[in-house]
Amino acid sequence: MTTDTKPEKPTTRLPRPRRMPGWAKVLTAVVVVLVVMFAGIRLSLLPGLRDFFGTETHDHSGPALLESIQDMSRYDAASGNFQVVVDLEKDAKYLPDAIRGTRTLYVGAGTVDAYVDLGKVGDKDVTVDDDRTSATLRLPHALLGTPALDPDRSYAVSKQRGLFDRLGDLFSDNPSGEQAVQKLAVKHIGEAAKESELTARAETNTTDMLQGLLRSLGFTEVKVTYHA
């Protein structure tokens, strides 16, 4: 007597899902925590974290050293305040602005002094009568000093940079430097000072100062002239 036995069907085992390594779990947890923390700081959801991750500024500079002293003989008689808006754009010839190019809008504020160099006045330029009641002074014309840019009142309004320029800033010691717009601002401020009446005001103020000084010394007539 025979019994028929059916062949057993091969069992297929499903592949077990690979378990995440321990180091990967730790790394994922750290990334998630950092994302949540920085998102909370960004959205002001966790205001306490802003102070916890805040930066502190420490000044470790050495003392300033006096290199030289110069005697000044000029009389600063007037000072002008100027402001200029600089729009500086640099383009590449064969590349679009989105790839290579910069454009900076910068507000530059600064001052220019006007002075009279009294050190150039010689003995022949001062005439006093015998009674010491009348004096005539011949002075050089007023000059303009070097424009001084005020960093507290100067600022960049906007900066547009191409992709290559942004990548270059990553490897630059001075990313997004503003030297070019600052120099241009100083140039425009100096040109504006030349077109102003700053030197004329300086000569008027110098005349008033000398007349008041000499009259306090007993002179009744004081004449001040300017020559090249």
C-alpha atoms as a PDB file:
ATOM      1  CA  MET A   1       0.000   0.000   0.000  1.00  0.00           C
ATOM      2  CA  THR A   2       1.455   3.257  -1.125  1.00  0.00           C
ATOM      3  CA  THR A   3       0.681   6.757  -0.019  1.00  0.00           C
ATOM      4  CA  ASP A   4       1.216   9.716  -2.252  1.00  0.00           C
ATOM      5  CA  THR A   5       3.018  12.608  -0.573  1.00  0.00           C
ATOM      6  CA  LYS A   6       2.937  16.013  -2.099  1.00  0.00           C
ATOM      7  CA  PRO A   7       6.280  17.731  -2.390  1.00  0.00           C
ATOM      8  CA  GLU A   8       6.711  20.524   0.047  1.00  0.00           C
ATOM      9  CA  LYS A   9       6.691  24.007  -1.447  1.00  0.00           C
ATOM     10  CA  PRO A  10       9.881  25.921  -0.844  1.00  0.00           C
ATOM     11  CA  THR A  11       9.366  28.661   1.645  1.00  0.00           C
ATOM     12  CA  THR A  12      10.554  32.118   0.635  1.00  0.00           C
ATOM     13  CA  ARG A  13      11.915  34.250   3.373  1.00  0.00           C
ATOM     14  CA  LEU A  14      11.403  37.965   3.107  1.00  0.00           C
ATOM     15  CA  PRO A  15      14.610  39.941   3.529  1.00  0.00           C
ATOM     16  CA  ARG A  16      14.842  41.522   6.906  1.00  0.00           C
ATOM     17  CA  PRO A  17      15.043  45.290   6.821  1.00  0.00           C
ATOM     18  CA  ARG A  18      18.491  46.475   7.537  1.00  0.00           C
ATOM     19  CA  ARG A  19      18.840  48.079  10.878  1.00  0.00           C
ATOM     20  CA  MET A  20      20.269  51.554  10.978  1.00  0.00           C
ATOM     21  CA  PRO A  21      23.705  51.531  12.544  1.00  0.00           C
ATOM     22  CA  GLY A  22      24.029  53.078  15.958  1.00  0.00           C
ATOM     23  CA  TRP A  23      26.252  55.910  14.768  1.00  0.00           C
ATOM     24  CA  ALA A  24      23.722  56.810  12.080  1.00  0.00           C
ATOM     25  CA  LYS A  25      20.957  57.034  14.664  1.00  0.00           C
ATOM     26  CA  VAL A  26      23.051  59.318  16.825  1.00  0.00           C
ATOM     27  CA  LEU A  27      23.969  61.516  13.853  1.00  0.00           C
ATOM     28  CA  THR A  28      20.346  61.763  12.733  1.00  0.00           C
ATOM     29  CA  ALA A  29      19.226  62.700  16.229  1.00  0.00           C
ATOM     30  CA  VAL A  30      21.873  65.405  16.470  1.00  0.00           C
ATOM     31  CA  VAL A  31      20.892  66.859  13.088  1.00  0.00           C
ATOM     32  CA  VAL A  32      17.218  66.905  14.048  1.00  0.00           C
ATOM     33  CA  VAL A  33      17.971  68.610  17.353  1.00  0.00           C
ATOM     34  CA  LEU A  34      20.127  71.247  15.654  1.00  0.00           C
ATOM     35  CA  VAL A  35      17.482  71.920  13.002  1.00  0.00           C
ATOM     36  CA  VAL A  36      14.802  72.367  15.665  1.00  0.00           C
ATOM     37  CA  MET A  37      17.048  74.617  17.750  1.00  0.00           C
ATOM     38  CA  PHE A  38      18.113  76.880  14.894  1.00  0.00           C
ATOM     39  CA  ALA A  39      14.554  77.003  13.582  1.00  0.00           C
ATOM     40  CA  GLY A  40      13.418  78.071  17.043  1.00  0.00           C
ATOM     41  CA  ILE A  41      16.054  80.789  17.135  1.00  0.00           C
ATOM     42  CA  ARG A  42      15.176  81.953  13.635  1.00  0.00           C
ATOM     43  CA  LEU A  43      11.442  82.099  14.322  1.00  0.00           C
ATOM     44  CA  SER A  44      11.904  83.408  17.882  1.00  0.00           C
ATOM     45  CA  LEU A  45      10.059  80.380  19.225  1.00  0.00           C
ATOM     46  CA  LEU A  46      12.797  79.694  21.756  1.00  0.00           C
ATOM     47  CA  PRO A  47      14.073  83.131  22.781  1.00  0.00           C
ATOM     48  CA  GLY A  48      16.348  81.720  25.453  1.00  0.00           C
ATOM     49  CA  LEU A  49      18.445  79.891  22.871  1.00  0.00           C
ATOM     50  CA  ARG A  50      19.362  83.133  21.143  1.00  0.00           C
ATOM     51  CA  ASP A  51      21.302  84.239  24.210  1.00  0.00           C
ATOM     52  CA  PHE A  52      22.774  80.759  24.669  1.00  0.00           C
ATOM     53  CA  PHE A  53      24.245  80.695  21.153  1.00  0.00           C
ATOM     54  CA  GLY A  54      24.996  84.416  21.007  1.00  0.00           C
ATOM     55  CA  THR A  55      28.483  85.667  20.249  1.00  0.00           C
ATOM     56  CA  GLU A  56      30.589  87.932  22.397  1.00  0.00           C
ATOM     57  CA  THR A  57      33.101  90.471  21.132  1.00  0.00           C
ATOM     58  CA  HIS A  58      36.440  90.810  22.911  1.00  0.00           C
ATOM     59  CA  ASP A  59      38.999  93.483  22.052  1.00  0.00           C
ATOM     60  CA  HIS A  60      42.510  92.035  22.361  1.00  0.00           C
ATOM     61  CA  SER A  61      44.214  94.887  20.523  1.00  0.00           C
ATOM     62  CA  GLY A  62      47.448  96.272  21.869  1.00  0.00           C
ATOM     63  CA  PRO A  63      47.931  99.896  22.919  1.00  0.00           C
ATOM     64  CA  ALA A  64      48.225 102.528  20.206  1.00  0.00           C
ATOM     65  CA  LEU A  65      51.782 103.730  19.638  1.00  0.00           C
ATOM     66  CA  LEU A  66      52.649 107.365  18.957  1.00  0.00           C
ATOM     67  CA  GLU A  67      54.794 107.400  15.828  1.00  0.00           C
ATOM     68  CA  SER A  68      55.333 111.124  15.286  1.00  0.00           C
ATOM     69  CA  ILE A  69      54.149 114.615  16.211  1.00  0.00           C
ATOM     70  CA  GLN A  70      53.789 117.417  13.707  1.00  0.00           C
ATOM     71  CA  ASP A  71      53.302 121.078  14.556  1.00  0.00           C
ATOM     72  CA  MET A  72      50.298 122.509  12.720  1.00  0.00           C
ATOM     73  CA  SER A  73      50.347 126.105  11.536  1.00  0.00           C
ATOM     74  CA  ARG A  74      47.104 126.059   9.624  1.00  0.00           C
ATOM     75  CA  TYR A  75      43.843 127.498  10.815  1.00  0.00           C
ATOM     76  CA  ASP A  76      40.857 125.237  10.181  1.00  0.00           C
ATOM     77  CA  ALA A  77      38.247 127.859   9.452  1.00  0.00           C
ATOM     78  CA  ALA A  78      35.334 125.850   8.012  1.00  0.00           C
ATOM     79  CA  SER A  79      34.092 122.296   7.679  1.00  0.00           C
ATOM     80  CA  GLY A  80      31.533 120.918   5.249  1.00  0.00           C
ATOM     81  CA  ASN A  81      29.359 117.832   5.659  1.00  0.00           C
ATOM     82  CA  PHE A  82      28.598 115.917   2.474  1.00  0.00           C
ATOM     83  CA  GLN A  83      26.622 112.850   1.480  1.00  0.00           C
ATOM     84  CA  VAL A  84      26.696 110.946  -1.805  1.00  0.00           C
ATOM     85  CA  VAL A  85      24.925 107.851  -3.132  1.00  0.00           C
ATOM     86  CA  VAL A  86      27.367 105.625  -5.034  1.00  0.00           C
ATOM     87  CA  ASP A  87      25.982 103.128  -7.550  1.00  0.00           C
ATOM     88  CA  LEU A  88      28.922 100.994  -8.665  1.00  0.00           C
ATOM     89  CA  GLU A  89      28.411  98.181 -11.177  1.00  0.00           C
ATOM     90  CA  LYS A  90      31.039  95.785 -12.544  1.00  0.00           C
ATOM     91  CA  ASP A  91      30.090  93.566 -15.476  1.00  0.00           C
ATOM     92  CA  ALA A  92      31.823  90.745 -17.319  1.00  0.00           C
ATOM     93  CA  LYS A  93      31.994  91.123 -21.089  1.00  0.00           C
ATOM     94  CA  TYR A  94      30.737  87.697 -22.098  1.00  0.00           C
ATOM     95  CA  LEU A  95      28.885  86.488 -18.993  1.00  0.00           C
ATOM     96  CA  PRO A  96      25.449  87.447 -17.649  1.00  0.00           C
ATOM     97  CA  ASP A  97      25.197  89.351 -14.392  1.00  0.00           C
ATOM     98  CA  ALA A  98      23.759  86.316 -12.623  1.00  0.00           C
ATOM     99  CA  ILE A  99      27.020  84.451 -13.300  1.00  0.00           C
ATOM    100  CA  ARG A 100      29.661  87.147 -12.994  1.00  0.00           C
ATOM    101  CA  GLY A 101      29.174  90.721 -11.929  1.00  0.00           C
ATOM    102  CA  THR A 102      28.558  92.953  -8.931  1.00  0.00           C
ATOM    103  CA  ARG A 103      26.476  96.009  -8.222  1.00  0.00           C
ATOM    104  CA  THR A 104      26.651  97.924  -4.940  1.00  0.00           C
ATOM    105  CA  LEU A 105      24.483 100.797  -3.801  1.00  0.00           C
ATOM    106  CA  TYR A 106      26.358 102.695  -1.085  1.00  0.00           C
ATOM    107  CA  VAL A 107      25.596 105.838   0.891  1.00  0.00           C
ATOM    108  CA  GLY A 108      28.785 107.683   1.776  1.00  0.00           C
ATOM    109  CA  ALA A 109      28.847 110.526   4.306  1.00  0.00           C
ATOM    110  CA  GLY A 110      31.926 112.507   5.165  1.00  0.00           C
ATOM    111  CA  THR A 111      33.461 115.860   5.956  1.00  0.00           C
ATOM    112  CA  VAL A 112      35.939 118.180   4.260  1.00  0.00           C
ATOM    113  CA  ASP A 113      37.816 120.912   6.130  1.00  0.00           C
ATOM    114  CA  ALA A 114      38.906 124.214   4.635  1.00  0.00           C
ATOM    115  CA  TYR A 115      41.943 125.893   6.148  1.00  0.00           C
ATOM    116  CA  VAL A 116      44.347 128.799   5.763  1.00  0.00           C
ATOM    117  CA  ASP A 117      48.044 127.967   6.120  1.00  0.00           C
ATOM    118  CA  LEU A 118      49.320 130.706   8.422  1.00  0.00           C
ATOM    119  CA  GLY A 119      52.779 129.140   8.351  1.00  0.00           C
ATOM    120  CA  LYS A 120      53.317 130.616   4.887  1.00  0.00           C
ATOM    121  CA  VAL A 121      52.846 134.183   6.111  1.00  0.00           C
ATOM    122  CA  GLY A 122      56.209 135.998   6.056  1.00  0.00           C
ATOM    123  CA  ASP A 123      57.437 139.250   7.522  1.00  0.00           C
ATOM    124  CA  LYS A 124      56.679 141.082   4.281  1.00  0.00           C
ATOM    125  CA  ASP A 125      53.060 139.934   4.459  1.00  0.00           C
ATOM    126  CA  VAL A 126      52.368 141.831   7.710  1.00  0.00           C
ATOM    127  CA  THR A 127      52.447 145.631   7.753  1.00  0.00           C
ATOM    128  CA  VAL A 128      51.907 147.709  10.902  1.00  0.00           C
ATOM    129  CA  ASP A 129      51.947 151.502  11.054  1.00  0.00           C
ATOM    130  CA  ASP A 130      54.088 153.438  13.521  1.00  0.00           C
ATOM    131  CA  ASP A 131      51.201 154.126  15.885  1.00  0.00           C
ATOM    132  CA  ARG A 132      50.318 150.411  15.972  1.00  0.00           C
ATOM    133  CA  THR A 133      46.718 151.231  15.245  1.00  0.00           C
ATOM    134  CA  SER A 134      46.522 149.936  11.681  1.00  0.00           C
ATOM    135  CA  ALA A 135      47.609 146.520  10.340  1.00  0.00           C
ATOM    136  CA  THR A 136      47.512 144.891   6.931  1.00  0.00           C
ATOM    137  CA  LEU A 137      47.885 141.126   6.465  1.00  0.00           C
ATOM    138  CA  ARG A 138      48.379 139.250   3.199  1.00  0.00           C
ATOM    139  CA  LEU A 139      47.424 135.578   3.539  1.00  0.00           C
ATOM    140  CA  PRO A 140      47.435 132.636   1.133  1.00  0.00           C
ATOM    141  CA  HIS A 141      44.091 131.490  -0.210  1.00  0.00           C
ATOM    142  CA  ALA A 142      42.219 128.859   1.727  1.00  0.00           C
ATOM    143  CA  LEU A 143      42.728 125.228   0.744  1.00  0.00           C
ATOM    144  CA  LEU A 144      40.661 122.067   1.099  1.00  0.00           C
ATOM    145  CA  GLY A 145      41.759 119.198   3.288  1.00  0.00           C
ATOM    146  CA  THR A 146      41.475 115.510   2.487  1.00  0.00           C
ATOM    147  CA  PRO A 147      37.883 114.226   2.577  1.00  0.00           C
ATOM    148  CA  ALA A 148      37.229 112.022   5.609  1.00  0.00           C
ATOM    149  CA  LEU A 149      34.572 109.314   5.301  1.00  0.00           C
ATOM    150  CA  ASP A 150      32.444 108.833   8.408  1.00  0.00           C
ATOM    151  CA  PRO A 151      31.939 105.067   8.980  1.00  0.00           C
ATOM    152  CA  ASP A 152      29.092 105.674  11.442  1.00  0.00           C
ATOM    153  CA  ARG A 153      27.018 107.477   8.803  1.00  0.00           C
ATOM    154  CA  SER A 154      28.091 105.459   5.749  1.00  0.00           C
ATOM    155  CA  TYR A 155      26.474 102.156   4.830  1.00  0.00           C
ATOM    156  CA  ALA A 156      25.703  99.787   1.962  1.00  0.00           C
ATOM    157  CA  VAL A 157      22.070  99.867   0.874  1.00  0.00           C
ATOM    158  CA  SER A 158      22.181  96.779  -1.345  1.00  0.00           C
ATOM    159  CA  LYS A 159      24.672  94.338  -2.842  1.00  0.00           C
ATOM    160  CA  GLN A 160      24.096  92.196  -5.905  1.00  0.00           C
ATOM    161  CA  ARG A 161      26.670  89.550  -6.791  1.00  0.00           C
ATOM    162  CA  GLY A 162      26.899  86.887  -9.428  1.00  0.00           C
ATOM    163  CA  LEU A 163      27.446  83.207  -8.701  1.00  0.00           C
ATOM    164  CA  PHE A 164      31.206  83.324  -9.338  1.00  0.00           C
ATOM    165  CA  ASP A 165      31.575  86.367  -7.104  1.00  0.00           C
ATOM    166  CA  ARG A 166      29.719  84.651  -4.272  1.00  0.00           C
ATOM    167  CA  LEU A 167      31.948  81.612  -4.583  1.00  0.00           C
ATOM    168  CA  GLY A 168      35.013  83.845  -4.618  1.00  0.00           C
ATOM    169  CA  ASP A 169      33.931  85.423  -1.328  1.00  0.00           C
ATOM    170  CA  LEU A 170      34.187  82.012   0.315  1.00  0.00           C
ATOM    171  CA  PHE A 171      37.939  81.956  -0.332  1.00  0.00           C
ATOM    172  CA  SER A 172      38.610  85.642   0.173  1.00  0.00           C
ATOM    173  CA  ASP A 173      40.135  87.194   3.279  1.00  0.00           C
ATOM    174  CA  ASN A 174      37.855  90.200   2.840  1.00  0.00           C
ATOM    175  CA  PRO A 175      34.531  89.001   1.415  1.00  0.00           C
ATOM    176  CA  SER A 176      32.202  91.644   0.011  1.00  0.00           C
ATOM    177  CA  GLY A 177      34.840  94.341   0.473  1.00  0.00           C
ATOM    178  CA  GLU A 178      33.638  97.908   0.115  1.00  0.00           C
ATOM    179  CA  GLN A 179      36.963  99.565  -0.637  1.00  0.00           C
ATOM    180  CA  ALA A 180      35.977 100.413  -4.207  1.00  0.00           C
ATOM    181  CA  VAL A 181      32.724 102.184  -3.305  1.00  0.00           C
ATOM    182  CA  GLN A 182      34.371 103.921  -0.355  1.00  0.00           C
ATOM    183  CA  LYS A 183      37.130 105.333  -2.561  1.00  0.00           C
ATOM    184  CA  LEU A 184      34.527 106.441  -5.082  1.00  0.00           C
ATOM    185  CA  ALA A 185      32.508 108.108  -2.338  1.00  0.00           C
ATOM    186  CA  VAL A 186      35.597 109.996  -1.130  1.00  0.00           C
ATOM    187  CA  LYS A 187      36.289 111.114  -4.704  1.00  0.00           C
ATOM    188  CA  HIS A 188      32.756 112.450  -5.216  1.00  0.00           C
ATOM    189  CA  ILE A 189      32.775 114.193  -1.826  1.00  0.00           C
ATOM    190  CA  GLY A 190      36.063 115.896  -2.713  1.00  0.00           C
ATOM    191  CA  GLU A 191      34.652 117.048  -6.057  1.00  0.00           C
ATOM    192  CA  ALA A 192      31.541 118.397  -4.361  1.00  0.00           C
ATOM    193  CA  ALA A 193      33.701 120.320  -1.887  1.00  0.00           C
ATOM    194  CA  LYS A 194      35.584 121.980  -4.749  1.00  0.00           C
ATOM    195  CA  GLU A 195      32.339 123.172  -6.289  1.00  0.00           C
ATOM    196  CA  SER A 196      31.031 124.495  -2.982  1.00  0.00           C
ATOM    197  CA  GLU A 197      31.759 127.809  -1.286  1.00  0.00           C
ATOM    198  CA  LEU A 198      33.730 126.132   1.469  1.00  0.00           C
ATOM    199  CA  THR A 199      37.032 127.921   0.804  1.00  0.00           C
ATOM    200  CA  ALA A 200      35.292 131.296   0.577  1.00  0.00           C
ATOM    201  CA  ARG A 201      33.651 130.651   3.935  1.00  0.00           C
ATOM    202  CA  ALA A 202      37.030 129.695   5.395  1.00  0.00           C
ATOM    203  CA  GLU A 203      38.606 132.963   4.256  1.00  0.00           C
ATOM    204  CA  THR A 204      35.715 134.960   5.701  1.00  0.00           C
ATOM    205  CA  ASN A 205      35.992 133.178   9.041  1.00  0.00           C
ATOM    206  CA  THR A 206      39.773 133.637   9.087  1.00  0.00           C
ATOM    207  CA  THR A 207      39.379 137.360   8.431  1.00  0.00           C
ATOM    208  CA  ASP A 208      36.856 137.696  11.254  1.00  0.00           C
ATOM    209  CA  MET A 209      39.141 135.785  13.625  1.00  0.00           C
ATOM    210  CA  LEU A 210      42.228 137.912  12.891  1.00  0.00           C
ATOM    211  CA  GLN A 211      40.329 141.203  13.013  1.00  0.00           C
ATOM    212  CA  GLY A 212      38.822 140.287  16.368  1.00  0.00           C
ATOM    213  CA  LEU A 213      42.213 139.212  17.716  1.00  0.00           C
ATOM    214  CA  LEU A 214      44.107 142.317  16.596  1.00  0.00           C
ATOM    215  CA  ARG A 215      41.374 144.697  17.689  1.00  0.00           C
ATOM    216  CA  SER A 216      41.519 143.163  21.143  1.00  0.00           C
ATOM    217  CA  LEU A 217      45.230 144.101  21.110  1.00  0.00           C
ATOM    218  CA  GLY A 218      44.458 147.776  20.385  1.00  0.00           C
ATOM    219  CA  PHE A 219      44.389 147.939  16.579  1.00  0.00           C
ATOM    220  CA  THR A 220      41.508 149.993  15.249  1.00  0.00           C
ATOM    221  CA  GLU A 221      41.917 149.195  11.570  1.00  0.00           C
ATOM    222  CA  VAL A 222      42.735 145.670  10.361  1.00  0.00           C
ATOM    223  CA  LYS A 223      42.816 144.779   6.669  1.00  0.00           C
ATOM    224  CA  VAL A 224      43.171 141.152   5.522  1.00  0.00           C
ATOM    225  CA  THR A 225      43.764 140.238   1.884  1.00  0.00           C
ATOM    226  CA  TYR A 226      44.385 136.910   0.140  1.00  0.00           C
ATOM    227  CA  HIS A 227      46.748 136.149  -2.716  1.00  0.00           C
ATOM    228  CA  ALA A 228      47.868 133.113  -4.660  1.00  0.00           C
END
